[in-house]
Amino acid sequence: MEIETLLQQVRSGELAIEEAKAILAEYRQVADIGFAQVDLDRERRIGFPEVIYGEGKTGDQIAAIFRKLMEHADRVLATRVSPDKAAVVRDQLPEAVYHEQARALAWTKEPLVPVGQGHVAVVCAGTSDLPVAEEAAITAEMLGCRVERVYDVGVAGIHRLFRRLPIIRQADVVVVVAGMEGALPSVVGGLVSRPIIAVPTSIGYGANFHGLSALLSMLNSCSPGITVVNIDNGFGGGYAAGIYYRHLYQS
């Protein structure tokens, strides 16, 4: 219903004031920008604003959604944004910061301050997995987490992991990112007492099946306490870790 029509119906008596107020409340929750219905109420409902998924959108579309969210939230995150699309957005919104390795655009009204004294450990098997690991790390930081990065500690050189165990064991929650056979979350799960969020990546040779073998390995892990997200879903892993972290320190 258009606002003008709504007001005319109230004036004519066709629509009660209370009914009109309820309709207007719905209008305030969603911004219609033509190609997108931007959810302005998501932060109130679940604690974090709508996140923009950049793949399949043009740079101008990302910029328009990003701008609208900036008007209503104190932080905005867009994931899977290629460098060329990021350049388009930053031409229009120079305040947005592009994290190239994570393929993420981020903006905050004020500098981010972690909501707790602990940290989230993002553990990455190999350098080739870094884009997914960084997506997880940036996402967790945007949710107010302190993040410690533990990178290139895969099972092919497992002694590298043992050197970093203290920082992993001190974490409130651990995100483990791995491709190939996806064994790292099982190893970490047998060494630490924290919740583990496993993120399989599509990195690997033919029988990796673009991440399917890593996904199945993680789902079939004999280490308890492991939760698995979708292939290459660093955002999902970082978001889940962020929700857990915030619950610890804000409850």
Protein backbone atom coordinates (compact mmCIF):
# COMPACT_ATOMS: atom_id res chain seq x y z
CA MET A 1 0.00 0.00 0.00
CA GLU A 2 1.36 3.46 -0.95
CA ILE A 3 1.68 6.02 1.86
CA GLU A 4 -0.56 8.52 0.05
CA THR A 5 -3.31 5.89 -0.34
CA LEU A 6 -2.92 4.97 3.32
CA LEU A 7 -3.36 8.58 4.44
CA GLN A 8 -6.40 9.05 2.20
CA GLN A 9 -8.03 5.95 3.69
CA VAL A 10 -7.40 7.25 7.21
CA ARG A 11 -8.89 10.65 6.33
CA SER A 12 -11.95 9.05 4.73
CA GLY A 13 -12.46 6.73 7.68
CA GLU A 14 -11.90 3.57 5.65
CA LEU A 15 -8.89 2.70 7.78
CA ALA A 16 -8.56 3.04 11.55
CA ILE A 17 -5.61 4.95 12.96
CA GLU A 18 -4.35 1.87 14.82
CA GLU A 19 -4.43 -0.18 11.62
CA ALA A 20 -2.54 2.56 9.81
CA LYS A 21 0.09 2.67 12.57
CA ALA A 22 0.65 -1.09 12.22
CA ILE A 23 1.11 -0.76 8.45
CA LEU A 24 3.53 2.16 8.88
CA ALA A 25 5.52 0.11 11.38
CA GLU A 26 6.00 -2.51 8.68
CA TYR A 27 7.14 0.16 6.25
CA ARG A 28 9.84 1.24 8.69
CA GLN A 29 11.15 -2.33 8.87
CA VAL A 30 11.81 -2.69 5.14
CA ALA A 31 13.33 -0.26 2.66
CA ASP A 32 12.07 -0.85 -0.89
CA ILE A 33 14.83 0.25 -3.28
CA GLY A 34 13.32 -1.45 -6.33
CA PHE A 35 15.66 -4.37 -6.93
CA ALA A 36 15.99 -5.16 -3.21
CA GLN A 37 13.86 -5.16 -0.07
CA VAL A 38 16.39 -4.13 2.58
CA ASP A 39 15.67 -5.59 6.01
CA LEU A 40 16.11 -2.68 8.43
CA ASP A 41 14.73 -4.58 11.42
CA ARG A 42 17.18 -7.49 11.45
CA GLU A 43 19.52 -6.05 14.08
CA ARG A 44 16.65 -5.65 16.55
CA ARG A 45 15.47 -9.21 15.89
CA ILE A 46 18.75 -11.12 15.88
CA GLY A 47 21.45 -8.71 17.04
CA PHE A 48 23.23 -7.91 13.76
CA PRO A 49 22.18 -5.99 10.63
CA GLU A 50 21.46 -7.65 7.32
CA VAL A 51 24.67 -8.80 5.60
CA ILE A 52 25.01 -8.23 1.85
CA TYR A 53 25.97 -11.21 -0.31
CA GLY A 54 27.90 -9.69 -3.19
CA GLU A 55 27.97 -12.50 -5.75
CA GLY A 56 25.38 -12.01 -8.47
CA LYS A 57 24.94 -8.31 -7.65
CA THR A 58 26.46 -5.41 -9.56
CA GLY A 59 28.74 -2.93 -7.85
CA ASP A 60 26.01 -0.27 -8.05
CA GLN A 61 23.47 -2.61 -6.46
CA ILE A 62 25.85 -3.44 -3.62
CA ALA A 63 26.52 0.26 -3.11
CA ALA A 64 22.80 1.12 -2.96
CA ILE A 65 22.05 -1.57 -0.37
CA PHE A 66 25.20 -0.68 1.57
CA ARG A 67 24.20 3.01 1.68
CA LYS A 68 20.70 2.23 2.89
CA LEU A 69 22.03 0.02 5.69
CA MET A 70 24.53 2.73 6.69
CA GLU A 71 21.59 5.05 7.29
CA HIS A 72 20.06 2.68 9.82
CA ALA A 73 22.89 0.66 11.42
CA ASP A 74 26.22 1.25 13.13
CA ARG A 75 28.02 -1.37 11.01
CA VAL A 76 27.61 -2.89 7.57
CA LEU A 77 29.22 -5.97 6.05
CA ALA A 78 29.19 -7.22 2.45
CA THR A 79 30.75 -10.57 1.58
CA ARG A 80 31.95 -12.14 -1.69
CA VAL A 81 32.73 -8.78 -3.26
CA SER A 82 35.25 -8.91 -6.11
CA PRO A 83 37.91 -6.16 -6.38
CA ASP A 84 36.20 -4.55 -9.39
CA LYS A 85 32.85 -4.37 -7.59
CA ALA A 86 34.58 -3.08 -4.45
CA ALA A 87 36.09 -0.27 -6.50
CA VAL A 88 32.61 0.74 -7.71
CA VAL A 89 31.27 0.76 -4.14
CA ARG A 90 34.23 2.71 -2.76
CA ASP A 91 33.89 5.34 -5.48
CA GLN A 92 30.44 6.04 -4.08
CA LEU A 93 31.12 5.21 -0.42
CA PRO A 94 34.79 5.90 0.35
CA GLU A 95 34.15 5.18 4.04
CA ALA A 96 33.78 1.47 3.25
CA VAL A 97 36.94 -0.57 3.84
CA TYR A 98 37.78 -3.39 1.44
CA HIS A 99 39.47 -6.50 2.82
CA GLU A 100 40.73 -8.00 -0.42
CA GLN A 101 41.78 -11.42 0.85
CA ALA A 102 38.43 -11.90 2.61
CA ARG A 103 36.59 -10.37 -0.38
CA ALA A 104 34.62 -8.32 2.14
CA LEU A 105 33.54 -4.70 2.40
CA ALA A 106 33.03 -3.34 5.89
CA TRP A 107 31.99 -0.09 7.52
CA THR A 108 31.49 0.92 11.14
CA LYS A 109 30.19 4.21 12.49
CA GLU A 110 32.63 4.05 15.39
CA PRO A 111 35.85 2.02 15.83
CA LEU A 112 35.08 -1.57 16.77
CA VAL A 113 35.58 -2.48 20.42
CA PRO A 114 35.47 -6.20 21.34
CA VAL A 115 32.51 -7.01 23.55
CA GLY A 116 34.55 -9.41 25.72
CA GLN A 117 38.03 -10.07 27.05
CA GLY A 118 38.40 -13.50 25.45
CA HIS A 119 38.95 -14.30 21.81
CA VAL A 120 37.88 -16.39 18.85
CA ALA A 121 40.67 -18.45 17.29
CA VAL A 122 40.48 -18.81 13.52
CA VAL A 123 42.68 -21.79 12.64
CA CYS A 124 43.56 -22.36 9.00
CA ALA A 125 45.13 -25.47 7.49
CA GLY A 126 46.95 -23.96 4.52
CA THR A 127 47.72 -20.69 2.80
CA SER A 128 45.35 -21.61 -0.03
CA ASP A 129 42.50 -21.63 2.51
CA LEU A 130 43.20 -18.04 3.61
CA PRO A 131 40.37 -16.32 1.69
CA VAL A 132 37.80 -18.44 3.54
CA ALA A 133 39.62 -18.08 6.87
CA GLU A 134 39.82 -14.31 6.47
CA GLU A 135 36.11 -14.15 5.63
CA ALA A 136 35.47 -15.92 8.94
CA ALA A 137 37.86 -13.64 10.83
CA ILE A 138 36.47 -10.37 9.43
CA THR A 139 32.91 -11.54 10.07
CA ALA A 140 33.69 -12.40 13.70
CA GLU A 141 35.41 -9.05 14.19
CA MET A 142 32.39 -7.23 12.79
CA LEU A 143 30.27 -9.02 15.40
CA GLY A 144 32.47 -7.60 18.14
CA CYS A 145 34.89 -10.48 18.68
CA ARG A 146 38.56 -10.29 19.43
CA VAL A 147 40.12 -12.63 16.83
CA GLU A 148 43.42 -14.47 16.95
CA ARG A 149 44.59 -15.91 13.64
CA VAL A 150 46.47 -19.23 13.59
CA TYR A 151 47.32 -19.90 9.97
CA ASP A 152 49.14 -22.58 7.94
CA VAL A 153 49.03 -25.31 10.60
CA GLY A 154 47.63 -28.21 8.56
CA VAL A 155 48.16 -31.86 9.33
CA ALA A 156 50.91 -32.29 6.71
CA GLY A 157 53.18 -30.46 9.17
CA ILE A 158 51.32 -31.05 12.38
CA HIS A 159 54.23 -29.87 14.56
CA ARG A 160 53.29 -26.34 13.44
CA LEU A 161 49.92 -26.75 15.17
CA PHE A 162 51.44 -27.86 18.47
CA ARG A 163 53.44 -24.63 18.75
CA ARG A 164 50.20 -22.62 18.66
CA LEU A 165 48.08 -24.78 20.94
CA PRO A 166 48.14 -22.38 23.93
CA ILE A 167 46.39 -19.61 22.00
CA ILE A 168 43.85 -22.08 20.60
CA ARG A 169 43.14 -23.62 24.00
CA GLN A 170 42.58 -20.18 25.52
CA ALA A 171 39.95 -19.26 22.93
CA ASP A 172 36.25 -19.14 23.76
CA VAL A 173 35.38 -20.77 20.44
CA VAL A 174 37.52 -22.08 17.57
CA VAL A 175 36.83 -21.83 13.84
CA VAL A 176 38.86 -24.41 11.89
CA VAL A 177 39.17 -23.95 8.13
CA ALA A 178 40.58 -26.76 5.97
CA GLY A 179 40.44 -28.19 2.48
CA MET A 180 42.04 -31.33 0.99
CA GLU A 181 40.88 -34.23 3.21
CA GLY A 182 39.55 -31.89 5.91
CA ALA A 183 41.31 -33.60 8.82
CA LEU A 184 42.34 -30.54 10.84
CA PRO A 185 39.08 -30.04 12.82
CA SER A 186 39.24 -33.65 14.07
CA VAL A 187 42.82 -33.13 15.24
CA VAL A 188 41.99 -29.84 16.97
CA GLY A 189 38.88 -31.42 18.46
CA GLY A 190 41.01 -34.04 20.15
CA LEU A 191 43.27 -31.42 21.72
CA VAL A 192 41.04 -28.59 22.97
CA SER A 193 37.97 -28.30 25.19
CA ARG A 194 36.26 -25.49 23.28
CA PRO A 195 33.37 -25.53 20.80
CA ILE A 196 34.70 -25.99 17.27
CA ILE A 197 33.10 -24.69 14.09
CA ALA A 198 34.56 -26.50 11.07
CA VAL A 199 34.61 -24.85 7.65
CA PRO A 200 35.47 -27.11 4.69
CA THR A 201 36.99 -25.42 1.66
CA SER A 202 37.00 -26.35 -2.00
CA ILE A 203 40.80 -26.42 -2.05
CA GLY A 204 42.21 -29.77 -3.20
CA TYR A 205 42.85 -32.10 -6.10
CA GLY A 206 40.26 -34.03 -8.13
CA ALA A 207 38.98 -36.45 -5.50
CA ASN A 208 38.41 -33.51 -3.19
CA PHE A 209 35.31 -32.93 -5.36
CA HIS A 210 35.43 -29.16 -4.82
CA GLY A 211 35.24 -29.50 -1.05
CA LEU A 212 32.83 -32.41 -0.76
CA SER A 213 35.45 -34.78 0.64
CA ALA A 214 36.47 -32.23 3.28
CA LEU A 215 32.81 -31.64 4.16
CA LEU A 216 32.14 -35.36 4.59
CA SER A 217 35.30 -35.82 6.68
CA MET A 218 34.20 -33.08 9.04
CA LEU A 219 30.65 -34.39 9.28
CA ASN A 220 32.03 -37.85 10.07
CA SER A 221 34.58 -36.64 12.61
CA CYS A 222 35.02 -38.84 15.68
CA SER A 223 35.98 -35.78 17.76
CA PRO A 224 32.93 -34.55 19.71
CA GLY A 225 31.80 -30.94 19.83
CA ILE A 226 32.35 -30.10 16.16
CA THR A 227 29.75 -28.15 14.22
CA VAL A 228 30.15 -28.03 10.43
CA VAL A 229 29.05 -25.27 8.03
CA ASN A 230 28.85 -25.33 4.25
CA ILE A 231 31.78 -25.52 1.83
CA ASP A 232 33.76 -22.24 1.63
CA ASN A 233 31.29 -20.64 4.05
CA GLY A 234 33.74 -18.59 6.08
CA PHE A 235 30.97 -16.10 6.75
CA GLY A 236 28.79 -18.81 8.33
CA GLY A 237 31.64 -20.04 10.51
CA GLY A 238 32.61 -16.57 11.65
CA TYR A 239 29.01 -15.58 12.28
CA ALA A 240 28.30 -18.66 14.40
CA ALA A 241 31.46 -18.04 16.42
CA GLY A 242 30.46 -14.40 16.86
CA ILE A 243 26.99 -15.27 18.15
CA TYR A 244 28.49 -17.70 20.68
CA TYR A 245 31.12 -15.15 21.78
CA ARG A 246 28.58 -12.36 22.21
CA HIS A 247 26.31 -14.65 24.20
CA LEU A 248 29.15 -15.38 26.61
CA TYR A 249 29.89 -11.74 27.32
CA GLN A 250 26.55 -10.01 26.90
CA SER A 251 24.25 -12.44 28.72
